[in-house]
Protein backbone atom coordinates (compact mmCIF):
# COMPACT_ATOMS: atom_id res chain seq x y z
CA MET A 1 -25.22 8.32 -20.89
CA ALA A 2 -27.87 11.00 -20.86
CA THR A 3 -27.68 14.18 -18.81
CA ARG A 4 -30.95 15.57 -17.49
CA GLY A 5 -32.10 18.36 -15.20
CA ASP A 6 -35.25 20.19 -14.17
CA VAL A 7 -38.78 19.76 -15.48
CA GLN A 8 -39.89 21.88 -18.43
CA LYS A 9 -42.70 22.01 -21.00
CA ASP A 10 -41.84 21.18 -24.61
CA THR A 11 -43.39 20.09 -27.89
CA PHE A 12 -43.04 16.34 -28.33
CA PHE A 13 -43.12 14.73 -31.81
CA THR A 14 -45.56 11.85 -32.13
CA ILE A 15 -45.11 9.14 -34.75
CA GLY A 16 -48.42 8.73 -36.52
CA GLY A 17 -49.95 11.71 -34.70
CA SER A 18 -49.73 15.43 -34.13
CA ALA A 19 -47.45 17.46 -31.90
CA SER A 20 -48.56 17.98 -28.30
CA ILE A 21 -47.40 19.92 -25.27
CA VAL A 22 -46.05 17.54 -22.63
CA THR A 23 -44.16 18.18 -19.42
CA GLY A 24 -40.85 16.36 -19.46
CA PRO A 25 -37.25 16.54 -18.29
CA GLU A 26 -35.09 19.41 -19.42
CA PHE A 27 -31.88 18.30 -21.09
CA THR A 28 -28.52 19.98 -20.69
CA GLU A 29 -27.65 18.43 -24.06
CA PRO A 30 -30.04 17.47 -26.88
CA LEU A 31 -31.32 13.90 -26.46
CA GLU A 32 -34.24 13.50 -28.85
CA GLU A 33 -34.83 9.86 -27.90
CA CYS A 34 -36.83 11.02 -24.90
CA CYS A 35 -38.85 13.35 -27.11
CA VAL A 36 -40.22 10.81 -29.59
CA ASP A 37 -43.48 8.93 -29.07
CA LEU A 38 -43.47 5.57 -30.86
CA LEU A 39 -46.78 3.80 -31.48
CA LEU A 40 -47.21 0.32 -29.99
CA PHE A 41 -50.14 -2.09 -29.85
CA GLY A 42 -51.44 -4.88 -27.67
CA ASP A 43 -54.54 -7.04 -28.04
CA LEU A 44 -56.08 -8.22 -24.78
CA LEU A 45 -58.50 -10.51 -26.64
CA ASP A 46 -55.75 -12.19 -28.67
CA PRO A 47 -52.55 -11.73 -26.64
CA THR A 48 -50.54 -14.51 -28.35
CA ASP A 49 -50.78 -13.17 -31.93
CA PRO A 50 -47.44 -11.42 -32.64
CA PHE A 51 -49.06 -9.43 -35.47
CA LYS A 52 -51.27 -7.61 -32.95
CA ASN A 53 -48.94 -7.56 -29.92
CA ASP A 54 -45.72 -5.58 -30.25
CA LYS A 55 -42.53 -6.34 -28.36
CA THR A 56 -39.54 -4.06 -27.90
CA SER A 57 -36.42 -4.13 -25.70
CA TYR A 58 -34.32 -1.67 -23.72
CA PHE A 59 -30.90 -1.67 -22.08
CA GLU A 60 -28.35 0.68 -20.57
CA TYR A 61 -24.72 0.11 -19.61
CA TYR A 62 -22.50 1.80 -17.04
CA SER A 63 -18.86 1.91 -16.07
CA ASN A 64 -17.60 0.20 -12.94
CA ASP A 65 -17.88 3.36 -10.83
CA THR A 66 -21.69 3.07 -10.94
CA ASP A 67 -22.77 1.32 -7.74
CA THR A 68 -26.44 0.53 -8.39
CA ALA A 69 -28.94 0.72 -11.24
CA VAL A 70 -32.70 0.28 -10.97
CA LEU A 71 -35.06 -0.16 -13.93
CA LYS A 72 -38.54 1.37 -13.69
CA LEU A 73 -41.64 1.60 -15.87
CA GLN A 74 -43.29 5.02 -15.98
CA LYS A 75 -46.58 6.32 -17.37
CA CYS A 76 -47.35 9.91 -18.33
CA GLU A 77 -50.25 11.23 -16.26
CA ASN A 78 -51.35 14.87 -16.45
CA GLY A 79 -48.13 15.71 -18.27
CA VAL A 80 -45.81 14.11 -15.71
CA PHE A 81 -44.18 10.66 -15.84
CA ILE A 82 -45.14 8.61 -12.77
CA ASP A 83 -43.47 5.38 -11.58
CA LYS A 84 -45.74 2.40 -12.21
CA ALA A 85 -43.46 -0.56 -11.59
CA THR A 86 -39.93 -1.32 -10.45
CA ILE A 87 -38.65 -4.14 -12.64
CA THR A 88 -37.28 -7.01 -10.56
CA ASP A 89 -38.48 -10.10 -12.47
CA ASN A 90 -39.89 -11.26 -15.81
CA THR A 91 -43.45 -9.98 -15.32
CA TYR A 92 -43.14 -7.49 -18.17
CA GLY A 93 -40.28 -9.02 -20.15
CA GLU A 94 -37.00 -10.94 -19.90
CA PHE A 95 -35.15 -8.98 -17.22
CA LEU A 96 -31.40 -8.97 -16.59
CA ASP A 97 -30.55 -7.12 -13.38
CA PHE A 98 -27.63 -4.74 -13.08
CA GLY A 99 -24.40 -6.69 -13.46
CA ASP A 100 -26.01 -9.94 -14.64
CA PHE A 101 -24.38 -9.24 -18.00
CA GLN A 102 -20.96 -7.61 -18.24
CA ALA A 103 -18.90 -6.62 -21.28
CA ASP A 104 -16.04 -4.22 -22.00
CA ASN A 105 -15.68 -3.37 -18.28
CA ARG A 106 -19.30 -2.25 -18.13
CA ASN A 107 -22.33 -3.53 -16.23
CA TYR A 108 -25.62 -3.80 -18.10
CA ILE A 109 -29.25 -3.66 -17.05
CA SER A 110 -31.88 -4.72 -19.59
CA ILE A 111 -35.38 -5.93 -20.36
CA LYS A 112 -35.90 -7.90 -23.58
CA ASN A 113 -39.11 -8.79 -25.43
CA ILE A 114 -41.13 -6.35 -23.35
CA ASP A 115 -44.69 -7.63 -22.95
CA TRP A 116 -46.61 -4.48 -23.82
CA THR A 117 -49.88 -6.40 -23.74
CA ALA A 118 -49.27 -7.21 -20.06
CA ILE A 119 -48.50 -3.52 -19.48
CA LEU A 120 -51.71 -2.57 -21.32
CA SER A 121 -53.68 -4.98 -19.11
CA ALA A 122 -52.12 -3.66 -15.90
CA PHE A 123 -52.03 0.09 -16.59
CA ASP A 124 -54.37 0.72 -19.58
CA ARG A 125 -53.46 2.66 -22.71
CA GLY A 126 -51.30 5.75 -22.59
CA LYS A 127 -47.73 6.99 -22.90
CA PHE A 128 -45.00 4.92 -21.25
CA ARG A 129 -41.26 4.79 -20.96
CA PHE A 130 -38.58 2.90 -19.06
CA ILE A 131 -35.97 4.73 -17.00
CA VAL A 132 -32.81 3.62 -15.19
CA GLU A 133 -31.93 5.32 -11.91
CA THR A 134 -28.32 4.96 -10.77
CA THR A 135 -26.16 5.76 -7.77
CA ASN A 136 -22.47 6.56 -7.70
CA ILE A 137 -20.72 7.10 -4.36
CA LEU A 138 -18.01 9.11 -6.11
CA ALA A 139 -20.44 11.58 -7.71
CA SER A 140 -21.04 14.95 -6.06
CA VAL A 141 -24.69 14.90 -7.18
CA THR A 142 -27.17 12.10 -7.80
CA PRO A 143 -26.91 10.97 -11.43
CA THR A 144 -29.97 11.83 -13.50
CA PRO A 145 -31.95 8.91 -14.98
CA ASP A 146 -31.53 7.52 -18.47
CA CYS A 147 -34.67 6.77 -20.43
CA SER A 148 -35.95 4.74 -23.34
CA PHE A 149 -38.03 6.02 -26.21
CA THR A 150 -41.48 7.13 -25.11
CA TYR A 151 -44.16 4.71 -26.35
CA LYS A 152 -47.78 5.51 -27.12
CA LEU A 153 -49.46 2.22 -26.19
CA ASP A 154 -52.95 1.43 -27.48
CA HIS A 155 -55.34 -1.42 -28.22
CA TYR A 156 -54.65 -2.97 -31.61
CA SER A 157 -56.89 -2.08 -34.53
CA ALA A 158 -56.21 -2.43 -38.24
CA LYS A 159 -57.32 1.18 -38.72
CA ASP A 160 -54.84 2.59 -36.21
CA ALA A 161 -51.99 0.37 -37.46
CA ASP A 162 -52.58 1.38 -41.09
CA GLY A 163 -49.66 3.38 -42.46
CA THR A 164 -47.04 1.75 -40.26
CA VAL A 165 -44.29 -0.86 -40.49
CA PHE A 166 -43.00 -2.87 -37.54
CA ILE A 167 -39.31 -3.76 -37.84
CA LYS A 168 -37.55 -6.41 -35.76
CA ALA A 169 -33.76 -6.41 -35.46
CA GLU A 170 -31.61 -9.09 -33.85
CA ASN A 171 -28.09 -8.08 -32.81
CA SER A 172 -25.23 -9.94 -31.15
CA ASN A 173 -22.08 -8.01 -32.00
CA LEU A 174 -20.00 -4.99 -31.08
CA LEU A 175 -21.44 -1.76 -32.46
CA GLY A 176 -20.77 1.96 -32.31
CA SER A 177 -23.08 4.08 -30.17
CA ILE A 178 -25.53 6.49 -31.81
CA LYS A 179 -25.06 8.76 -28.77
CA ASP A 180 -21.27 9.08 -28.88
CA GLN A 181 -19.16 8.57 -32.01
CA LYS A 182 -16.14 7.53 -29.91
CA GLN A 183 -18.00 4.86 -27.98
CA VAL A 184 -18.71 1.21 -28.80
CA PHE A 185 -20.72 -1.37 -26.90
CA THR A 186 -21.72 -5.02 -27.02
CA PHE A 187 -25.35 -6.05 -27.25
CA PRO A 188 -26.70 -8.23 -24.42
CA PRO A 189 -27.11 -11.93 -25.27
CA GLU A 190 -29.47 -12.82 -28.14
CA TRP A 191 -30.66 -9.25 -28.32
CA MET A 192 -33.86 -8.46 -30.23
CA ASP A 193 -35.55 -5.10 -30.50
CA GLY A 194 -38.55 -3.82 -32.40
CA ILE A 195 -39.75 -0.44 -33.62
CA ARG A 196 -42.95 0.75 -35.32
CA ILE A 197 -42.59 3.66 -37.72
CA SER A 198 -44.79 5.53 -40.19
CA ALA A 199 -43.79 3.89 -43.45
CA ILE A 200 -44.68 1.39 -46.14
CA PHE A 201 -42.66 -1.72 -47.01
CA GLY A 202 -43.04 -3.68 -50.23
CA PHE A 203 -43.00 -2.50 -53.87
CA ASN A 204 -41.74 -5.99 -54.70
CA PHE A 205 -39.50 -6.36 -57.74
CA SER A 206 -36.82 -8.75 -58.96
CA GLU A 207 -33.38 -8.63 -60.49
CA TYR A 208 -31.90 -11.45 -62.57
CA GLU A 209 -28.41 -12.79 -63.20
CA GLU A 210 -27.67 -15.51 -65.73
CA GLU A 211 -24.62 -17.57 -66.59
CA HIS A 212 -24.15 -18.95 -70.10
CA VAL A 213 -21.78 -20.97 -72.17
CA ARG A 214 -21.25 -19.77 -75.75
CA TYR A 215 -21.02 -22.36 -78.53
CA ASP A 216 -19.04 -21.91 -81.72
CA ASP A 217 -22.17 -20.96 -83.67
CA GLY A 218 -22.90 -18.16 -81.18
CA PHE A 219 -25.74 -19.89 -79.33
CA LEU A 220 -25.85 -19.10 -75.60
CA GLN A 221 -26.66 -22.13 -73.48
CA ASP A 222 -28.04 -21.18 -70.06
CA LEU A 223 -26.21 -22.63 -67.06
CA THR A 224 -27.87 -20.77 -64.18
CA ASN A 225 -30.75 -18.32 -63.89
CA ASP A 226 -30.78 -16.44 -60.56
CA GLN A 227 -33.62 -14.24 -59.35
CA THR A 228 -33.13 -11.86 -56.42
CA ALA A 229 -36.34 -10.68 -54.75
CA LYS A 230 -36.10 -7.01 -53.77
CA TYR A 231 -38.18 -4.57 -51.77
CA LEU A 232 -38.38 -0.89 -50.84
CA LEU A 233 -38.98 0.74 -47.47
CA LYS A 234 -40.41 4.26 -47.81
CA THR A 235 -40.81 6.23 -44.58
CA ASP A 236 -42.77 9.33 -43.69
CA ARG A 237 -40.89 12.26 -42.20
CA LEU A 238 -38.95 11.07 -39.16
CA PRO A 239 -36.77 12.95 -36.63
CA ALA A 240 -33.00 12.57 -36.71
CA ILE A 241 -32.84 10.28 -33.65
CA LEU A 242 -35.00 7.70 -35.44
CA HIS A 243 -32.85 7.89 -38.57
CA ASP A 244 -29.78 7.30 -36.38
CA TYR A 245 -31.46 4.31 -34.75
CA LEU A 246 -32.65 2.81 -38.04
CA LYS A 247 -29.40 3.16 -39.95
CA THR A 248 -27.32 1.73 -37.08
CA ASN A 249 -29.27 -0.53 -34.72
CA VAL A 250 -31.56 -1.86 -37.47
CA LEU A 251 -29.74 -1.80 -40.80
CA GLN A 252 -26.49 -3.13 -39.29
CA ALA A 253 -28.32 -5.92 -37.44
CA ASN A 254 -27.63 -9.61 -37.95
CA ILE A 255 -31.28 -10.34 -38.75
CA ILE A 256 -33.92 -7.86 -39.99
CA LYS A 257 -37.63 -8.71 -40.25
CA MET A 258 -40.30 -6.46 -41.80
CA THR A 259 -44.03 -6.54 -41.10
CA ASP A 260 -46.19 -4.11 -43.06
CA TYR A 261 -49.61 -2.88 -41.84
CA ASN A 262 -50.67 -0.74 -44.82
CA LYS A 263 -54.16 -1.82 -45.88
CA ASP A 264 -53.60 -0.78 -49.52
CA ASN A 265 -50.25 -2.52 -49.90
CA ALA A 266 -50.21 -4.74 -53.00
CA ASN A 267 -48.00 -7.29 -51.22
CA ARG A 268 -48.37 -8.84 -47.76
CA HIS A 269 -45.26 -8.91 -45.59
CA VAL A 270 -45.18 -10.53 -42.15
CA ASP A 271 -41.71 -11.07 -40.67
CA THR A 272 -40.15 -10.92 -44.13
CA MET A 273 -36.41 -11.41 -43.57
CA VAL A 274 -34.27 -9.00 -45.57
CA LYS A 275 -30.76 -7.69 -46.17
CA ARG A 276 -30.02 -4.05 -46.93
CA THR A 277 -28.72 -3.42 -50.47
CA SER A 278 -28.66 0.39 -50.69
CA SER A 279 -27.24 3.33 -48.82
CA TYR A 280 -29.27 5.27 -46.24
CA GLU A 281 -29.87 8.80 -47.54
CA PRO A 282 -32.67 10.84 -45.96
CA VAL A 283 -34.02 13.65 -48.11
CA TYR A 284 -33.34 16.86 -46.20
CA HIS A 285 -34.95 20.26 -46.74
CA PRO A 286 -33.81 23.65 -45.36
CA ARG A 287 -35.42 24.60 -42.03
CA VAL A 288 -37.25 21.23 -41.80
CA LYS A 289 -35.92 18.88 -39.11
CA ASN A 290 -37.82 15.73 -40.07
CA SER A 291 -37.03 13.87 -43.27
CA LYS A 292 -38.10 10.89 -45.37
CA VAL A 293 -35.88 8.06 -46.53
CA GLU A 294 -36.13 5.25 -49.06
CA VAL A 295 -34.06 2.10 -48.55
CA GLU A 296 -33.70 -0.92 -50.81
CA PHE A 297 -33.55 -4.48 -49.48
CA LYS A 298 -33.22 -7.97 -50.86
CA SER A 299 -34.56 -11.24 -49.54
CA ALA A 300 -32.41 -12.84 -46.85
CA PHE A 301 -32.88 -16.16 -48.70
CA ASP A 302 -31.25 -16.94 -52.03
CA ASN A 303 -33.52 -19.80 -53.13
CA LEU A 304 -34.84 -18.49 -56.46
CA ARG A 305 -32.05 -20.12 -58.43
CA GLU A 306 -32.49 -22.41 -61.40
CA LEU A 307 -29.63 -24.75 -62.29
CA LEU A 308 -30.03 -25.65 -65.94
CA CYS A 309 -26.94 -27.76 -66.56
């Protein structure tokens, strides 16, 4: 889990925006996930349209020596994150209290399908995050909170969403942690998360595979003609913590869905289900921390198959 200390000022990277000076927690070890602002949208006039109303999820897990864990929603005001709500029910998402789900001798606390439109209605636009405060009677000092990504929540508009892709990932298995290479965890039940990044998804193309039978005169009689629909995801420059999240929590997910918001995209994609078919290789440059990546996918459905004989 994260280790945090006193308050400091630092430059926070904003997805789809420019860098800004924000007061935040000082880390005794680098934890970029609290230093990344991810764009999210809600539409108060059309709150049931999933295209305009983003949903994400968040969980933490703790060993049995942690006595209590409390989940809170915070908003950044005048450079300082202020508590806005203590999560005790499903007002802002599907809440599992500390210990409601247990796996691998750990107790989890989580909120799934976070209703950012409800948060937008209650607390207006701005920068938000979730934190978990814990107590441990064996600890000599109070454990410092763990936190989610920071989200820049705004009213939906096609103009502001242009240049982004929203990715949904459903997970249900054991997976290695992006925070600790020696650690593995189990996702909470029917886990779904979402993330909006600066990218474009599409560039549709197809690959073909045919089976034939060869006659004595050399004629090739077609037996099957398979088409595989393929796509490319091309991102803008992203920080390392987002690459770690994408290549692990997203690209190793059971189900991946892509929704593209680029107004000049030649192809429309809304919840297009895909499977990864390439490696994940960001293009790095000396003395530049953020990097782009291009990943190839195929359709999750293999229905473009013609049986000829």
